């Protein structure tokens, strides 16, 4: 391949790149080379391909693979394929990104739900009820603001239960939303890992086959040398 000012020409788009921005064709596994040829590009083993074009064709090859196995791609699969363009990481802190978008009301409801599901709330609430009963039944007697059978207390408890239930449900709904985001993130990470492992297996097989061919060629040359030596004796 021609070099222009210490730059190498990409066999795909004909543009010049620095040496660290290209890959030799002979280092690419055969399945990807065949895929590139199917796209109508004439390439050979002594050429070079830019990393930009390499990532693009790798993404297209993986997209074709996923479409064959699963049909049309969903949004999560498209996100995974897009991460191959710039070698982006799929890992992310779901809790941190989720919490940054919560409103004041949502944060307040979560705190109330957490407090309402604690022993601290149960002990305080039970103490208030006991104090209420003692105050109205023994201390105030005829001046009680809520005499036995404590109708006002029952009303307060009913109102508290009516308010607390939807607050807890709102918090649970957000927890389910958080769990769905975690599941989506785990799916994208697992899918990318599976694709990377599959490509790694292909690359290892390619290297082993290439080494086998190289060893076979060395053995052939060694035998030819031995034959020449035998003839000269």
Foldseek 3Di string as FASTA:
>chain_A
DDADPCWFAAQPPRDTDHPVQKDQQLLAFPVLVVQVVVVPGDDDRRHIHGPQVVLVSLLVVVCVVCCVVPNDDDPLVVVLSVCSNVVHDLDDDLVVVLVVPDDPLLVVLLVLLVCCPDVVNVVVVVVVVVVLQCCQVPPCNVNHPQHPVRPVVVVVVVVCCVVNVVSNVSNVVSVVVSVVVVVSSVVSNVVSVVSVVVSVVSSVVSVVVVVVVVVVVVVVVVVVVVVVVVVVD
